[in-house]
Amino acid sequence: MTPEEKKEMKKELAKRKRMAMDIASQIHDIVEDTLWTDYVNMPGLSEKLVAAVEEANRFKAESGL
């Protein structure tokens, strides 16, 4: 892998991690601010978070980062 390819792979991994963090942030906002009205969104967000983290970890392992 060339240095440029590795740089691009790292950028892609950062993008995937950021997606997971965005979902985690949504969960945090519900817990902090609107738990009693938006709790019904938690199962769906939790599933999305698990999938996003698994995807980021898979990408990291497959790309050798």
PDB file of N, CA and C in Angstrom:
ATOM      1  N   MET A   1       0.858  -1.173   0.000  1.00  0.00           N
ATOM      2  CA  MET A   1       0.000   0.000   0.000  1.00  0.00           C
ATOM      3  C   MET A   1       0.902   1.234   0.000  1.00  0.00           C
ATOM      4  N   THR A   2       0.612   2.124  -0.911  1.00  0.00           N
ATOM      5  CA  THR A   2       1.395   3.353  -0.984  1.00  0.00           C
ATOM      6  C   THR A   2       0.993   4.289   0.156  1.00  0.00           C
ATOM      7  N   PRO A   3       1.856   5.250   0.475  1.00  0.00           N
ATOM      8  CA  PRO A   3       1.494   6.221   1.518  1.00  0.00           C
ATOM      9  C   PRO A   3       0.190   6.960   1.202  1.00  0.00           C
ATOM     10  N   GLU A   4      -0.032   7.268  -0.080  1.00  0.00           N
ATOM     11  CA  GLU A   4      -1.260   7.962  -0.468  1.00  0.00           C
ATOM     12  C   GLU A   4      -2.484   7.069  -0.250  1.00  0.00           C
ATOM     13  N   GLU A   5      -2.357   5.792  -0.600  1.00  0.00           N
ATOM     14  CA  GLU A   5      -3.464   4.851  -0.388  1.00  0.00           C
ATOM     15  C   GLU A   5      -3.760   4.691   1.097  1.00  0.00           C
ATOM     16  N   LYS A   6      -2.703   4.608   1.897  1.00  0.00           N
ATOM     17  CA  LYS A   6      -2.890   4.484   3.342  1.00  0.00           C
ATOM     18  C   LYS A   6      -3.585   5.724   3.901  1.00  0.00           C
ATOM     19  N   LYS A   7      -3.191   6.893   3.400  1.00  0.00           N
ATOM     20  CA  LYS A   7      -3.820   8.142   3.840  1.00  0.00           C
ATOM     21  C   LYS A   7      -5.311   8.129   3.514  1.00  0.00           C
ATOM     22  N   GLU A   8      -5.653   7.678   2.312  1.00  0.00           N
ATOM     23  CA  GLU A   8      -7.061   7.605   1.909  1.00  0.00           C
ATOM     24  C   GLU A   8      -7.830   6.600   2.766  1.00  0.00           C
ATOM     25  N   MET A   9      -7.190   5.490   3.081  1.00  0.00           N
ATOM     26  CA  MET A   9      -7.848   4.479   3.926  1.00  0.00           C
ATOM     27  C   MET A   9      -8.108   5.041   5.322  1.00  0.00           C
ATOM     28  N   LYS A  10      -7.148   5.789   5.836  1.00  0.00           N
ATOM     29  CA  LYS A  10      -7.326   6.408   7.152  1.00  0.00           C
ATOM     30  C   LYS A  10      -8.463   7.431   7.130  1.00  0.00           C
ATOM     31  N   LYS A  11      -8.560   8.180   6.029  1.00  0.00           N
ATOM     32  CA  LYS A  11      -9.661   9.142   5.904  1.00  0.00           C
ATOM     33  C   LYS A  11     -11.003   8.424   5.866  1.00  0.00           C
ATOM     34  N   GLU A  12     -11.050   7.296   5.160  1.00  0.00           N
ATOM     35  CA  GLU A  12     -12.294   6.523   5.086  1.00  0.00           C
ATOM     36  C   GLU A  12     -12.654   5.946   6.450  1.00  0.00           C
ATOM     37  N   LEU A  13     -11.657   5.464   7.183  1.00  0.00           N
ATOM     38  CA  LEU A  13     -11.918   4.950   8.531  1.00  0.00           C
ATOM     39  C   LEU A  13     -12.434   6.066   9.433  1.00  0.00           C
ATOM     40  N   ALA A  14     -11.832   7.239   9.339  1.00  0.00           N
ATOM     41  CA  ALA A  14     -12.289   8.373  10.150  1.00  0.00           C
ATOM     42  C   ALA A  14     -13.734   8.726   9.814  1.00  0.00           C
ATOM     43  N   LYS A  15     -14.090   8.654   8.539  1.00  0.00           N
ATOM     44  CA  LYS A  15     -15.469   8.930   8.120  1.00  0.00           C
ATOM     45  C   LYS A  15     -16.435   7.928   8.754  1.00  0.00           C
ATOM     46  N   ARG A  16     -16.060   6.664   8.734  1.00  0.00           N
ATOM     47  CA  ARG A  16     -16.926   5.627   9.310  1.00  0.00           C
ATOM     48  C   ARG A  16     -17.039   5.782  10.823  1.00  0.00           C
ATOM     49  N   LYS A  17     -15.952   6.123  11.474  1.00  0.00           N
ATOM     50  CA  LYS A  17     -16.000   6.347  12.922  1.00  0.00           C
ATOM     51  C   LYS A  17     -16.876   7.550  13.249  1.00  0.00           C
ATOM     52  N   ARG A  18     -16.769   8.598  12.416  1.00  0.00           N
ATOM     53  CA  ARG A  18     -17.578   9.809  12.631  1.00  0.00           C
ATOM     54  C   ARG A  18     -19.070   9.497  12.523  1.00  0.00           C
ATOM     55  N   MET A  19     -19.426   8.606  11.606  1.00  0.00           N
ATOM     56  CA  MET A  19     -20.829   8.210  11.465  1.00  0.00           C
ATOM     57  C   MET A  19     -21.319   7.550  12.755  1.00  0.00           C
ATOM     58  N   ALA A  20     -20.503   6.684  13.330  1.00  0.00           N
ATOM     59  CA  ALA A  20     -20.869   6.036  14.591  1.00  0.00           C
ATOM     60  C   ALA A  20     -20.982   7.066  15.709  1.00  0.00           C
ATOM     61  N   MET A  21     -20.062   8.007  15.744  1.00  0.00           N
ATOM     62  CA  MET A  21     -20.104   9.033  16.783  1.00  0.00           C
ATOM     63  C   MET A  21     -21.333   9.929  16.644  1.00  0.00           C
ATOM     64  N   ASP A  22     -21.760  10.188  15.436  1.00  0.00           N
ATOM     65  CA  ASP A  22     -22.973  10.989  15.229  1.00  0.00           C
ATOM     66  C   ASP A  22     -24.198  10.280  15.807  1.00  0.00           C
ATOM     67  N   ILE A  23     -24.275   8.983  15.609  1.00  0.00           N
ATOM     68  CA  ILE A  23     -25.395   8.215  16.169  1.00  0.00           C
ATOM     69  C   ILE A  23     -25.306   8.213  17.686  1.00  0.00           C
ATOM     70  N   ALA A  24     -24.102   8.012  18.217  1.00  0.00           N
ATOM     71  CA  ALA A  24     -23.917   8.032  19.670  1.00  0.00           C
ATOM     72  C   ALA A  24     -24.319   9.393  20.241  1.00  0.00           C
ATOM     73  N   SER A  25     -24.035  10.443  19.503  1.00  0.00           N
ATOM     74  CA  SER A  25     -24.411  11.787  19.942  1.00  0.00           C
ATOM     75  C   SER A  25     -25.926  11.946  20.001  1.00  0.00           C
ATOM     76  N   GLN A  26     -26.621  11.370  19.028  1.00  0.00           N
ATOM     77  CA  GLN A  26     -28.088  11.423  19.042  1.00  0.00           C
ATOM     78  C   GLN A  26     -28.636  10.706  20.271  1.00  0.00           C
ATOM     79  N   ILE A  27     -28.040   9.556  20.581  1.00  0.00           N
ATOM     80  CA  ILE A  27     -28.466   8.806  21.774  1.00  0.00           C
ATOM     81  C   ILE A  27     -28.208   9.647  23.019  1.00  0.00           C
ATOM     82  N   HIS A  28     -27.041  10.250  23.087  1.00  0.00           N
ATOM     83  CA  HIS A  28     -26.695  11.085  24.239  1.00  0.00           C
ATOM     84  C   HIS A  28     -27.692  12.235  24.400  1.00  0.00           C
ATOM     85  N   ASP A  29     -28.041  12.876  23.284  1.00  0.00           N
ATOM     86  CA  ASP A  29     -28.987  13.987  23.361  1.00  0.00           C
ATOM     87  C   ASP A  29     -30.345  13.537  23.894  1.00  0.00           C
ATOM     88  N   ILE A  30     -30.793  12.375  23.464  1.00  0.00           N
ATOM     89  CA  ILE A  30     -32.070  11.865  23.971  1.00  0.00           C
ATOM     90  C   ILE A  30     -31.971  11.621  25.467  1.00  0.00           C
ATOM     91  N   VAL A  31     -30.899  10.960  25.895  1.00  0.00           N
ATOM     92  CA  VAL A  31     -30.739  10.648  27.319  1.00  0.00           C
ATOM     93  C   VAL A  31     -30.670  11.928  28.149  1.00  0.00           C
ATOM     94  N   GLU A  32     -29.960  12.906  27.657  1.00  0.00           N
ATOM     95  CA  GLU A  32     -29.773  14.145  28.406  1.00  0.00           C
ATOM     96  C   GLU A  32     -30.993  15.067  28.384  1.00  0.00           C
ATOM     97  N   ASP A  33     -31.710  15.090  27.251  1.00  0.00           N
ATOM     98  CA  ASP A  33     -32.707  16.147  27.085  1.00  0.00           C
ATOM     99  C   ASP A  33     -34.155  15.682  26.941  1.00  0.00           C
ATOM    100  N   THR A  34     -34.386  14.596  26.236  1.00  0.00           N
ATOM    101  CA  THR A  34     -35.763  14.259  25.870  1.00  0.00           C
ATOM    102  C   THR A  34     -36.116  12.799  26.120  1.00  0.00           C
ATOM    103  N   LEU A  35     -35.497  12.207  27.129  1.00  0.00           N
ATOM    104  CA  LEU A  35     -35.688  10.781  27.375  1.00  0.00           C
ATOM    105  C   LEU A  35     -37.160  10.389  27.459  1.00  0.00           C
ATOM    106  N   TRP A  36     -37.941  11.156  28.179  1.00  0.00           N
ATOM    107  CA  TRP A  36     -39.321  10.757  28.447  1.00  0.00           C
ATOM    108  C   TRP A  36     -40.243  10.896  27.240  1.00  0.00           C
ATOM    109  N   THR A  37     -39.808  11.629  26.240  1.00  0.00           N
ATOM    110  CA  THR A  37     -40.639  11.746  25.040  1.00  0.00           C
ATOM    111  C   THR A  37     -40.057  11.003  23.838  1.00  0.00           C
ATOM    112  N   ASP A  38     -38.735  10.867  23.783  1.00  0.00           N
ATOM    113  CA  ASP A  38     -38.098  10.259  22.612  1.00  0.00           C
ATOM    114  C   ASP A  38     -37.489   8.888  22.881  1.00  0.00           C
ATOM    115  N   TYR A  39     -37.791   8.300  24.028  1.00  0.00           N
ATOM    116  CA  TYR A  39     -37.212   6.996  24.370  1.00  0.00           C
ATOM    117  C   TYR A  39     -37.529   5.934  23.322  1.00  0.00           C
ATOM    118  N   VAL A  40     -38.627   6.089  22.599  1.00  0.00           N
ATOM    119  CA  VAL A  40     -39.009   5.091  21.593  1.00  0.00           C
ATOM    120  C   VAL A  40     -38.004   5.035  20.440  1.00  0.00           C
ATOM    121  N   ASN A  41     -37.193   6.066  20.283  1.00  0.00           N
ATOM    122  CA  ASN A  41     -36.177   6.080  19.225  1.00  0.00           C
ATOM    123  C   ASN A  41     -34.910   5.323  19.614  1.00  0.00           C
ATOM    124  N   MET A  42     -34.768   4.994  20.880  1.00  0.00           N
ATOM    125  CA  MET A  42     -33.537   4.384  21.363  1.00  0.00           C
ATOM    126  C   MET A  42     -33.230   3.014  20.728  1.00  0.00           C
ATOM    127  N   PRO A  43     -34.183   2.097  20.614  1.00  0.00           N
ATOM    128  CA  PRO A  43     -33.845   0.795  20.016  1.00  0.00           C
ATOM    129  C   PRO A  43     -33.317   0.917  18.585  1.00  0.00           C
ATOM    130  N   GLY A  44     -33.947   1.732  17.779  1.00  0.00           N
ATOM    131  CA  GLY A  44     -33.489   1.905  16.399  1.00  0.00           C
ATOM    132  C   GLY A  44     -32.114   2.541  16.323  1.00  0.00           C
ATOM    133  N   LEU A  45     -31.892   3.561  17.142  1.00  0.00           N
ATOM    134  CA  LEU A  45     -30.581   4.206  17.158  1.00  0.00           C
ATOM    135  C   LEU A  45     -29.512   3.247  17.671  1.00  0.00           C
ATOM    136  N   SER A  46     -29.867   2.446  18.651  1.00  0.00           N
ATOM    137  CA  SER A  46     -28.908   1.474  19.183  1.00  0.00           C
ATOM    138  C   SER A  46     -28.503   0.463  18.116  1.00  0.00           C
ATOM    139  N   GLU A  47     -29.463  -0.008  17.345  1.00  0.00           N
ATOM    140  CA  GLU A  47     -29.150  -0.940  16.261  1.00  0.00           C
ATOM    141  C   GLU A  47     -28.252  -0.289  15.225  1.00  0.00           C
ATOM    142  N   LYS A  48     -28.541   0.962  14.880  1.00  0.00           N
ATOM    143  CA  LYS A  48     -27.714   1.682  13.917  1.00  0.00           C
ATOM    144  C   LYS A  48     -26.291   1.873  14.448  1.00  0.00           C
ATOM    145  N   LEU A  49     -26.183   2.171  15.744  1.00  0.00           N
ATOM    146  CA  LEU A  49     -24.872   2.371  16.346  1.00  0.00           C
ATOM    147  C   LEU A  49     -24.048   1.090  16.308  1.00  0.00           C
ATOM    148  N   VAL A  50     -24.662  -0.019  16.685  1.00  0.00           N
ATOM    149  CA  VAL A  50     -23.954  -1.301  16.648  1.00  0.00           C
ATOM    150  C   VAL A  50     -23.480  -1.595  15.227  1.00  0.00           C
ATOM    151  N   ALA A  51     -24.346  -1.397  14.244  1.00  0.00           N
ATOM    152  CA  ALA A  51     -23.977  -1.660  12.849  1.00  0.00           C
ATOM    153  C   ALA A  51     -22.841  -0.738  12.397  1.00  0.00           C
ATOM    154  N   ALA A  52     -22.886   0.522  12.777  1.00  0.00           N
ATOM    155  CA  ALA A  52     -21.853   1.472  12.366  1.00  0.00           C
ATOM    156  C   ALA A  52     -20.498   1.133  12.986  1.00  0.00           C
ATOM    157  N   VAL A  53     -20.499   0.757  14.252  1.00  0.00           N
ATOM    158  CA  VAL A  53     -19.247   0.388  14.915  1.00  0.00           C
ATOM    159  C   VAL A  53     -18.693  -0.899  14.313  1.00  0.00           C
ATOM    160  N   GLU A  54     -19.560  -1.871  14.081  1.00  0.00           N
ATOM    161  CA  GLU A  54     -19.106  -3.115  13.462  1.00  0.00           C
ATOM    162  C   GLU A  54     -18.526  -2.850  12.070  1.00  0.00           C
ATOM    163  N   GLU A  55     -19.151  -1.984  11.310  1.00  0.00           N
ATOM    164  CA  GLU A  55     -18.664  -1.647   9.970  1.00  0.00           C
ATOM    165  C   GLU A  55     -17.305  -0.965  10.039  1.00  0.00           C
ATOM    166  N   ALA A  56     -17.139  -0.022  10.950  1.00  0.00           N
ATOM    167  CA  ALA A  56     -15.852   0.658  11.102  1.00  0.00           C
ATOM    168  C   ALA A  56     -14.772  -0.335  11.511  1.00  0.00           C
ATOM    169  N   ASN A  57     -15.090  -1.216  12.444  1.00  0.00           N
ATOM    170  CA  ASN A  57     -14.113  -2.220  12.876  1.00  0.00           C
ATOM    171  C   ASN A  57     -13.770  -3.193  11.756  1.00  0.00           C
ATOM    172  N   ARG A  58     -14.767  -3.583  10.964  1.00  0.00           N
ATOM    173  CA  ARG A  58     -14.529  -4.481   9.837  1.00  0.00           C
ATOM    174  C   ARG A  58     -13.612  -3.811   8.825  1.00  0.00           C
ATOM    175  N   PHE A  59     -13.911  -2.553   8.494  1.00  0.00           N
ATOM    176  CA  PHE A  59     -13.088  -1.811   7.548  1.00  0.00           C
ATOM    177  C   PHE A  59     -11.656  -1.697   8.057  1.00  0.00           C
ATOM    178  N   LYS A  60     -11.515  -1.403   9.333  1.00  0.00           N
ATOM    179  CA  LYS A  60     -10.173  -1.266   9.923  1.00  0.00           C
ATOM    180  C   LYS A  60      -9.402  -2.573   9.801  1.00  0.00           C
ATOM    181  N   ALA A  61     -10.036  -3.677  10.125  1.00  0.00           N
ATOM    182  CA  ALA A  61      -9.367  -4.972  10.057  1.00  0.00           C
ATOM    183  C   ALA A  61      -9.020  -5.348   8.612  1.00  0.00           C
ATOM    184  N   GLU A  62      -9.950  -5.144   7.693  1.00  0.00           N
ATOM    185  CA  GLU A  62      -9.729  -5.504   6.301  1.00  0.00           C
ATOM    186  C   GLU A  62      -8.674  -4.632   5.630  1.00  0.00           C
ATOM    187  N   SER A  63      -8.564  -3.392   6.059  1.00  0.00           N
ATOM    188  CA  SER A  63      -7.592  -2.490   5.440  1.00  0.00           C
ATOM    189  C   SER A  63      -6.236  -2.534   6.131  1.00  0.00           C
ATOM    190  N   GLY A  64      -6.157  -3.246   7.233  1.00  0.00           N
ATOM    191  CA  GLY A  64      -4.884  -3.386   7.935  1.00  0.00           C
ATOM    192  C   GLY A  64      -4.431  -2.137   8.661  1.00  0.00           C
ATOM    193  N   LEU A  65      -5.379  -1.333   9.078  1.00  0.00           N
ATOM    194  CA  LEU A  65      -5.040  -0.097   9.796  1.00  0.00           C
ATOM    195  C   LEU A  65      -4.929  -0.341  11.288  1.00  0.00           C
TER     196      LEU A  65
END
